[in-house]
PDB file of N, CA and C in Angstrom:
ATOM      1  N   MET A   1      31.657  39.094 -18.015  1.00  0.00           N
ATOM      2  CA  MET A   1      31.507  38.164 -17.941  1.00  0.00           C
ATOM      3  C   MET A   1      29.601  39.142 -17.604  1.00  0.00           C
ATOM      4  N   GLY A   2      28.489  38.229 -18.465  1.00  0.00           N
ATOM      5  CA  GLY A   2      27.071  39.058 -18.930  1.00  0.00           C
ATOM      6  C   GLY A   2      26.243  38.769 -16.602  1.00  0.00           C
ATOM      7  N   GLY A   3      25.074  38.755 -16.011  1.00  0.00           N
ATOM      8  CA  GLY A   3      25.027  39.139 -15.734  1.00  0.00           C
ATOM      9  C   GLY A   3      23.443  39.595 -15.396  1.00  0.00           C
ATOM     10  N   CYS A   4      22.260  39.639 -14.231  1.00  0.00           N
ATOM     11  CA  CYS A   4      21.359  40.374 -13.682  1.00  0.00           C
ATOM     12  C   CYS A   4      22.218  41.683 -12.895  1.00  0.00           C
ATOM     13  N   CYS A   5      22.712  41.326 -11.811  1.00  0.00           N
ATOM     14  CA  CYS A   5      23.162  41.982 -11.245  1.00  0.00           C
ATOM     15  C   CYS A   5      24.887  42.656 -11.163  1.00  0.00           C
ATOM     16  N   ARG A   6      24.868  43.508 -10.534  1.00  0.00           N
ATOM     17  CA  ARG A   6      26.458  44.275  -9.503  1.00  0.00           C
ATOM     18  C   ARG A   6      26.313  44.576  -9.113  1.00  0.00           C
ATOM     19  N   PRO A   7      27.471  44.755  -8.244  1.00  0.00           N
ATOM     20  CA  PRO A   7      27.782  45.350  -7.056  1.00  0.00           C
ATOM     21  C   PRO A   7      27.269  47.108  -6.757  1.00  0.00           C
ATOM     22  N   GLY A   8      26.880  46.792  -6.496  1.00  0.00           N
ATOM     23  CA  GLY A   8      25.192  48.582  -5.952  1.00  0.00           C
ATOM     24  C   GLY A   8      23.855  48.439  -6.402  1.00  0.00           C
ATOM     25  N   ASP A   9      24.210  47.547  -7.603  1.00  0.00           N
ATOM     26  CA  ASP A   9      22.610  47.213  -8.150  1.00  0.00           C
ATOM     27  C   ASP A   9      20.956  47.953  -7.123  1.00  0.00           C
ATOM     28  N   LEU A  10      21.453  47.283  -5.967  1.00  0.00           N
ATOM     29  CA  LEU A  10      20.250  47.262  -4.962  1.00  0.00           C
ATOM     30  C   LEU A  10      20.407  48.682  -3.568  1.00  0.00           C
ATOM     31  N   ASP A  11      21.258  49.289  -4.366  1.00  0.00           N
ATOM     32  CA  ASP A  11      21.493  50.343  -3.109  1.00  0.00           C
ATOM     33  C   ASP A  11      20.311  51.522  -3.094  1.00  0.00           C
ATOM     34  N   ASP A  12      19.339  51.309  -4.222  1.00  0.00           N
ATOM     35  CA  ASP A  12      17.745  52.257  -4.291  1.00  0.00           C
ATOM     36  C   ASP A  12      17.057  51.437  -3.000  1.00  0.00           C
ATOM     37  N   VAL A  13      17.311  50.088  -3.001  1.00  0.00           N
ATOM     38  CA  VAL A  13      16.322  49.545  -2.443  1.00  0.00           C
ATOM     39  C   VAL A  13      17.157  49.386  -0.413  1.00  0.00           C
ATOM     40  N   PHE A  14      18.250  48.808  -0.768  1.00  0.00           N
ATOM     41  CA  PHE A  14      18.873  48.963   0.478  1.00  0.00           C
ATOM     42  C   PHE A  14      19.853  49.483   1.036  1.00  0.00           C
ATOM     43  N   ASP A  15      19.518  50.964   1.357  1.00  0.00           N
ATOM     44  CA  ASP A  15      21.099  52.290   1.884  1.00  0.00           C
ATOM     45  C   ASP A  15      21.373  51.849   2.726  1.00  0.00           C
ATOM     46  N   GLU A  16      22.433  52.822   3.108  1.00  0.00           N
ATOM     47  CA  GLU A  16      23.148  53.179   4.312  1.00  0.00           C
ATOM     48  C   GLU A  16      22.313  53.908   5.867  1.00  0.00           C
ATOM     49  N   LYS A  17      20.961  54.455   4.660  1.00  0.00           N
ATOM     50  CA  LYS A  17      20.139  54.633   5.971  1.00  0.00           C
ATOM     51  C   LYS A  17      18.817  53.714   6.496  1.00  0.00           C
ATOM     52  N   ARG A  18      19.007  52.923   5.104  1.00  0.00           N
ATOM     53  CA  ARG A  18      17.626  51.792   6.075  1.00  0.00           C
ATOM     54  C   ARG A  18      18.391  51.007   7.008  1.00  0.00           C
ATOM     55  N   ALA A  19      19.780  50.434   6.209  1.00  0.00           N
ATOM     56  CA  ALA A  19      21.243  49.959   6.593  1.00  0.00           C
ATOM     57  C   ALA A  19      20.247  49.695   8.800  1.00  0.00           C
ATOM     58  N   ARG A  20      20.914  51.177   8.618  1.00  0.00           N
ATOM     59  CA  ARG A  20      21.691  52.013  10.115  1.00  0.00           C
ATOM     60  C   ARG A  20      19.627  51.853  10.730  1.00  0.00           C
ATOM     61  N   LYS A  21      18.638  51.803   9.954  1.00  0.00           N
ATOM     62  CA  LYS A  21      16.837  52.373  11.040  1.00  0.00           C
ATOM     63  C   LYS A  21      16.769  50.934  10.948  1.00  0.00           C
ATOM     64  N   GLN A  22      17.860  49.759  10.683  1.00  0.00           N
ATOM     65  CA  GLN A  22      17.412  48.087  11.057  1.00  0.00           C
ATOM     66  C   GLN A  22      18.229  47.456  11.587  1.00  0.00           C
ATOM     67  N   ALA A  23      19.076  48.375  12.529  1.00  0.00           N
ATOM     68  CA  ALA A  23      20.473  48.141  13.138  1.00  0.00           C
ATOM     69  C   ALA A  23      19.685  48.585  14.570  1.00  0.00           C
ATOM     70  N   ARG A  24      19.647  49.385  14.849  1.00  0.00           N
ATOM     71  CA  ARG A  24      18.681  49.977  15.459  1.00  0.00           C
ATOM     72  C   ARG A  24      17.845  49.080  16.529  1.00  0.00           C
ATOM     73  N   ALA A  25      16.935  48.936  15.182  1.00  0.00           N
ATOM     74  CA  ALA A  25      15.495  48.102  15.442  1.00  0.00           C
ATOM     75  C   ALA A  25      15.904  46.883  15.845  1.00  0.00           C
ATOM     76  N   TYR A  26      16.659  46.576  15.046  1.00  0.00           N
ATOM     77  CA  TYR A  26      17.611  44.928  15.774  1.00  0.00           C
ATOM     78  C   TYR A  26      17.544  45.136  17.269  1.00  0.00           C
ATOM     79  N   ALA A  27      19.116  45.838  17.696  1.00  0.00           N
ATOM     80  CA  ALA A  27      18.954  45.900  18.676  1.00  0.00           C
ATOM     81  C   ALA A  27      18.064  46.732  20.006  1.00  0.00           C
ATOM     82  N   ARG A  28      17.078  47.197  19.349  1.00  0.00           N
ATOM     83  CA  ARG A  28      16.487  47.775  20.850  1.00  0.00           C
ATOM     84  C   ARG A  28      15.578  46.260  20.678  1.00  0.00           C
ATOM     85  N   LYS A  29      15.235  45.568  19.795  1.00  0.00           N
ATOM     86  CA  LYS A  29      13.612  44.799  19.480  1.00  0.00           C
ATOM     87  C   LYS A  29      13.701  43.629  19.199  1.00  0.00           C
ATOM     88  N   GLY A  30      15.187  43.411  19.126  1.00  0.00           N
ATOM     89  CA  GLY A  30      15.407  41.152  18.638  1.00  0.00           C
ATOM     90  C   GLY A  30      15.276  41.096  17.270  1.00  0.00           C
ATOM     91  N   LEU A  31      14.762  40.154  16.869  1.00  0.00           N
ATOM     92  CA  LEU A  31      14.466  40.032  15.491  1.00  0.00           C
ATOM     93  C   LEU A  31      12.972  40.022  15.476  1.00  0.00           C
ATOM     94  N   GLY A  32      12.889  40.017  14.651  1.00  0.00           N
ATOM     95  CA  GLY A  32      11.242  39.885  13.959  1.00  0.00           C
ATOM     96  C   GLY A  32      10.755  38.411  13.850  1.00  0.00           C
ATOM     97  N   GLY A  33       9.356  38.076  14.027  1.00  0.00           N
ATOM     98  CA  GLY A  33       9.199  37.411  13.798  1.00  0.00           C
ATOM     99  C   GLY A  33       8.911  36.120  12.518  1.00  0.00           C
ATOM    100  N   THR A  34       8.832  36.684  10.888  1.00  0.00           N
ATOM    101  CA  THR A  34       9.143  35.601  10.690  1.00  0.00           C
ATOM    102  C   THR A  34      11.058  35.217  10.891  1.00  0.00           C
ATOM    103  N   ALA A  35      11.759  36.140  10.795  1.00  0.00           N
ATOM    104  CA  ALA A  35      13.847  35.912  11.770  1.00  0.00           C
ATOM    105  C   ALA A  35      13.502  35.135  12.469  1.00  0.00           C
ATOM    106  N   GLN A  36      12.169  34.958  13.519  1.00  0.00           N
ATOM    107  CA  GLN A  36      12.572  34.179  14.953  1.00  0.00           C
ATOM    108  C   GLN A  36      12.796  32.756  14.475  1.00  0.00           C
ATOM    109  N   GLN A  37      11.199  32.617  13.813  1.00  0.00           N
ATOM    110  CA  GLN A  37      11.218  31.412  13.345  1.00  0.00           C
ATOM    111  C   GLN A  37      12.076  31.180  12.193  1.00  0.00           C
ATOM    112  N   ILE A  38      12.608  31.161  11.423  1.00  0.00           N
ATOM    113  CA  ILE A  38      13.886  30.844  10.613  1.00  0.00           C
ATOM    114  C   ILE A  38      15.267  30.778  11.501  1.00  0.00           C
ATOM    115  N   VAL A  39      15.682  31.297  12.857  1.00  0.00           N
ATOM    116  CA  VAL A  39      16.172  31.118  13.177  1.00  0.00           C
ATOM    117  C   VAL A  39      16.080  29.415  14.404  1.00  0.00           C
ATOM    118  N   ALA A  40      14.979  29.514  15.093  1.00  0.00           N
ATOM    119  CA  ALA A  40      13.956  28.463  15.226  1.00  0.00           C
ATOM    120  C   ALA A  40      14.322  26.855  14.758  1.00  0.00           C
ATOM    121  N   LEU A  41      13.720  27.434  13.965  1.00  0.00           N
ATOM    122  CA  LEU A  41      13.723  26.137  12.250  1.00  0.00           C
ATOM    123  C   LEU A  41      15.513  25.287  12.662  1.00  0.00           C
ATOM    124  N   ILE A  42      16.300  26.322  12.136  1.00  0.00           N
ATOM    125  CA  ILE A  42      17.659  25.707  11.716  1.00  0.00           C
ATOM    126  C   ILE A  42      18.537  25.447  13.619  1.00  0.00           C
ATOM    127  N   ARG A  43      18.361  25.881  14.648  1.00  0.00           N
ATOM    128  CA  ARG A  43      18.725  25.526  15.986  1.00  0.00           C
ATOM    129  C   ARG A  43      17.670  24.532  15.449  1.00  0.00           C
ATOM    130  N   GLU A  44      16.864  24.154  15.646  1.00  0.00           N
ATOM    131  CA  GLU A  44      16.429  22.416  16.029  1.00  0.00           C
ATOM    132  C   GLU A  44      16.703  21.384  15.077  1.00  0.00           C
ATOM    133  N   ARG A  45      17.154  21.531  13.331  1.00  0.00           N
ATOM    134  CA  ARG A  45      17.285  21.167  13.074  1.00  0.00           C
ATOM    135  C   ARG A  45      19.131  20.591  12.498  1.00  0.00           C
ATOM    136  N   VAL A  46      19.364  21.601  12.927  1.00  0.00           N
ATOM    137  CA  VAL A  46      21.139  21.433  12.739  1.00  0.00           C
ATOM    138  C   VAL A  46      22.231  20.988  13.682  1.00  0.00           C
ATOM    139  N   ALA A  47      22.995  20.440  13.705  1.00  0.00           N
ATOM    140  CA  ALA A  47      24.341  20.174  14.499  1.00  0.00           C
ATOM    141  C   ALA A  47      25.361  21.388  14.898  1.00  0.00           C
ATOM    142  N   PRO A  48      25.178  21.203  15.565  1.00  0.00           N
ATOM    143  CA  PRO A  48      26.065  22.141  16.311  1.00  0.00           C
ATOM    144  C   PRO A  48      27.527  22.912  15.843  1.00  0.00           C
ATOM    145  N   GLY A  49      28.148  23.496  15.655  1.00  0.00           N
ATOM    146  CA  GLY A  49      30.050  24.278  14.505  1.00  0.00           C
ATOM    147  C   GLY A  49      29.153  24.106  13.273  1.00  0.00           C
ATOM    148  N   TYR A  50      28.613  24.577  13.034  1.00  0.00           N
ATOM    149  CA  TYR A  50      28.022  24.145  11.148  1.00  0.00           C
ATOM    150  C   TYR A  50      28.070  25.529  10.748  1.00  0.00           C
ATOM    151  N   THR A  51      28.746  26.163   9.437  1.00  0.00           N
ATOM    152  CA  THR A  51      27.665  27.913   8.545  1.00  0.00           C
ATOM    153  C   THR A  51      27.046  27.627   8.780  1.00  0.00           C
ATOM    154  N   VAL A  52      27.257  28.952   8.407  1.00  0.00           N
ATOM    155  CA  VAL A  52      25.456  30.309   8.122  1.00  0.00           C
ATOM    156  C   VAL A  52      25.967  30.511   6.526  1.00  0.00           C
ATOM    157  N   LEU A  53      24.844  30.170   5.922  1.00  0.00           N
ATOM    158  CA  LEU A  53      26.097  31.166   4.372  1.00  0.00           C
ATOM    159  C   LEU A  53      23.828  31.789   4.073  1.00  0.00           C
ATOM    160  N   GLU A  54      24.166  33.217   4.488  1.00  0.00           N
ATOM    161  CA  GLU A  54      22.590  33.982   3.878  1.00  0.00           C
ATOM    162  C   GLU A  54      23.342  35.200   2.813  1.00  0.00           C
ATOM    163  N   VAL A  55      22.389  35.075   1.406  1.00  0.00           N
ATOM    164  CA  VAL A  55      22.543  35.805   0.478  1.00  0.00           C
ATOM    165  C   VAL A  55      21.388  37.198   0.383  1.00  0.00           C
ATOM    166  N   GLY A  56      21.539  38.287   0.726  1.00  0.00           N
ATOM    167  CA  GLY A  56      20.193  39.354   0.907  1.00  0.00           C
ATOM    168  C   GLY A  56      19.508  39.261   1.755  1.00  0.00           C
ATOM    169  N   GLY A  57      20.652  39.308   3.469  1.00  0.00           N
ATOM    170  CA  GLY A  57      20.655  39.282   4.448  1.00  0.00           C
ATOM    171  C   GLY A  57      20.790  40.262   5.738  1.00  0.00           C
ATOM    172  N   GLY A  58      20.681  41.558   4.868  1.00  0.00           N
ATOM    173  CA  GLY A  58      20.767  42.712   5.144  1.00  0.00           C
ATOM    174  C   GLY A  58      22.421  43.203   6.264  1.00  0.00           C
ATOM    175  N   ILE A  59      21.118  43.507   7.889  1.00  0.00           N
ATOM    176  CA  ILE A  59      22.328  44.090   8.266  1.00  0.00           C
ATOM    177  C   ILE A  59      22.744  42.484   9.085  1.00  0.00           C
ATOM    178  N   GLY A  60      22.459  41.132   8.609  1.00  0.00           N
ATOM    179  CA  GLY A  60      23.035  39.914   8.868  1.00  0.00           C
ATOM    180  C   GLY A  60      22.350  39.593  10.214  1.00  0.00           C
ATOM    181  N   ALA A  61      21.717  39.407  10.999  1.00  0.00           N
ATOM    182  CA  ALA A  61      20.483  40.162  12.065  1.00  0.00           C
ATOM    183  C   ALA A  61      20.730  38.445  12.571  1.00  0.00           C
ATOM    184  N   ILE A  62      20.156  37.570  11.415  1.00  0.00           N
ATOM    185  CA  ILE A  62      19.882  36.180  11.241  1.00  0.00           C
ATOM    186  C   ILE A  62      21.208  35.197  11.961  1.00  0.00           C
ATOM    187  N   PRO A  63      23.191  35.389  10.842  1.00  0.00           N
ATOM    188  CA  PRO A  63      24.010  34.947  10.908  1.00  0.00           C
ATOM    189  C   PRO A  63      24.192  35.084  12.289  1.00  0.00           C
ATOM    190  N   LEU A  64      24.228  36.806  12.970  1.00  0.00           N
ATOM    191  CA  LEU A  64      24.112  36.827  14.362  1.00  0.00           C
ATOM    192  C   LEU A  64      23.560  35.896  15.409  1.00  0.00           C
ATOM    193  N   GLU A  65      22.808  36.078  15.204  1.00  0.00           N
ATOM    194  CA  GLU A  65      21.420  35.532  16.344  1.00  0.00           C
ATOM    195  C   GLU A  65      22.290  34.063  16.148  1.00  0.00           C
ATOM    196  N   LEU A  66      22.406  32.831  14.980  1.00  0.00           N
ATOM    197  CA  LEU A  66      23.028  31.688  15.215  1.00  0.00           C
ATOM    198  C   LEU A  66      24.776  31.776  15.398  1.00  0.00           C
ATOM    199  N   LEU A  67      25.451  33.111  15.524  1.00  0.00           N
ATOM    200  CA  LEU A  67      26.455  32.960  16.161  1.00  0.00           C
ATOM    201  C   LEU A  67      26.446  32.875  17.568  1.00  0.00           C
ATOM    202  N   THR A  68      25.844  34.033  18.281  1.00  0.00           N
ATOM    203  CA  THR A  68      25.564  33.705  19.404  1.00  0.00           C
ATOM    204  C   THR A  68      24.083  32.990  20.370  1.00  0.00           C
ATOM    205  N   GLY A  69      24.777  31.773  20.591  1.00  0.00           N
ATOM    206  CA  GLY A  69      23.738  30.859  20.928  1.00  0.00           C
ATOM    207  C   GLY A  69      23.423  29.902  20.516  1.00  0.00           C
ATOM    208  N   GLY A  70      23.466  29.843  19.295  1.00  0.00           N
ATOM    209  CA  GLY A  70      21.965  29.207  18.493  1.00  0.00           C
ATOM    210  C   GLY A  70      23.402  28.178  17.905  1.00  0.00           C
ATOM    211  N   GLY A  71      24.367  28.574  17.953  1.00  0.00           N
ATOM    212  CA  GLY A  71      25.742  26.677  17.431  1.00  0.00           C
ATOM    213  C   GLY A  71      26.406  26.863  16.389  1.00  0.00           C
ATOM    214  N   ALA A  72      26.018  27.862  15.729  1.00  0.00           N
ATOM    215  CA  ALA A  72      26.750  28.408  14.469  1.00  0.00           C
ATOM    216  C   ALA A  72      28.045  28.611  15.127  1.00  0.00           C
ATOM    217  N   ALA A  73      29.123  27.736  13.836  1.00  0.00           N
ATOM    218  CA  ALA A  73      30.861  27.947  14.437  1.00  0.00           C
ATOM    219  C   ALA A  73      31.323  29.812  13.678  1.00  0.00           C
ATOM    220  N   SER A  74      30.282  29.478  12.018  1.00  0.00           N
ATOM    221  CA  SER A  74      31.369  30.643  11.376  1.00  0.00           C
ATOM    222  C   SER A  74      29.686  30.844  10.650  1.00  0.00           C
ATOM    223  N   ALA A  75      30.104  33.032  10.233  1.00  0.00           N
ATOM    224  CA  ALA A  75      28.407  32.773   8.869  1.00  0.00           C
ATOM    225  C   ALA A  75      29.185  33.980   7.936  1.00  0.00           C
ATOM    226  N   LEU A  76      28.905  33.701   6.735  1.00  0.00           N
ATOM    227  CA  LEU A  76      28.839  34.899   5.372  1.00  0.00           C
ATOM    228  C   LEU A  76      27.703  35.214   5.402  1.00  0.00           C
ATOM    229  N   ASN A  77      27.703  36.395   5.075  1.00  0.00           N
ATOM    230  CA  ASN A  77      25.805  36.929   4.928  1.00  0.00           C
ATOM    231  C   ASN A  77      26.815  37.840   3.322  1.00  0.00           C
ATOM    232  N   VAL A  78      25.754  37.739   1.740  1.00  0.00           N
ATOM    233  CA  VAL A  78      26.643  37.550   0.691  1.00  0.00           C
ATOM    234  C   VAL A  78      25.941  39.185  -0.081  1.00  0.00           C
ATOM    235  N   GLU A  79      25.779  40.357  -0.302  1.00  0.00           N
ATOM    236  CA  GLU A  79      24.649  41.524   0.028  1.00  0.00           C
ATOM    237  C   GLU A  79      25.528  41.891  -1.926  1.00  0.00           C
ATOM    238  N   LEU A  80      24.768  42.288  -2.491  1.00  0.00           N
ATOM    239  CA  LEU A  80      24.703  43.009  -3.232  1.00  0.00           C
ATOM    240  C   LEU A  80      25.071  44.369  -3.448  1.00  0.00           C
ATOM    241  N   SER A  81      23.680  45.533  -1.978  1.00  0.00           N
ATOM    242  CA  SER A  81      24.429  46.846  -2.063  1.00  0.00           C
ATOM    243  C   SER A  81      25.471  46.703  -1.219  1.00  0.00           C
ATOM    244  N   THR A  82      25.351  47.893  -1.705  1.00  0.00           N
ATOM    245  CA  THR A  82      27.426  48.424  -0.436  1.00  0.00           C
ATOM    246  C   THR A  82      27.150  48.526   0.684  1.00  0.00           C
TER     247      THR A  82
END
């Protein structure tokens, strides 16, 4: 099957080192400004019990926020980086 992307194609953009750095920052400071706006928008407009699908979500901070107090029942984060 042809296509533009395969698992691992973005490892030079988002690797384990970057993931660990982002996870530490999220643990210390929480979500950044744009991510906070996205979460607030979803919380305002979506009924409780919804499922979150995030494509290219990195460490998955937005789905985590929506699962813990945001009303989401489940979440799936799809990544190309390993």
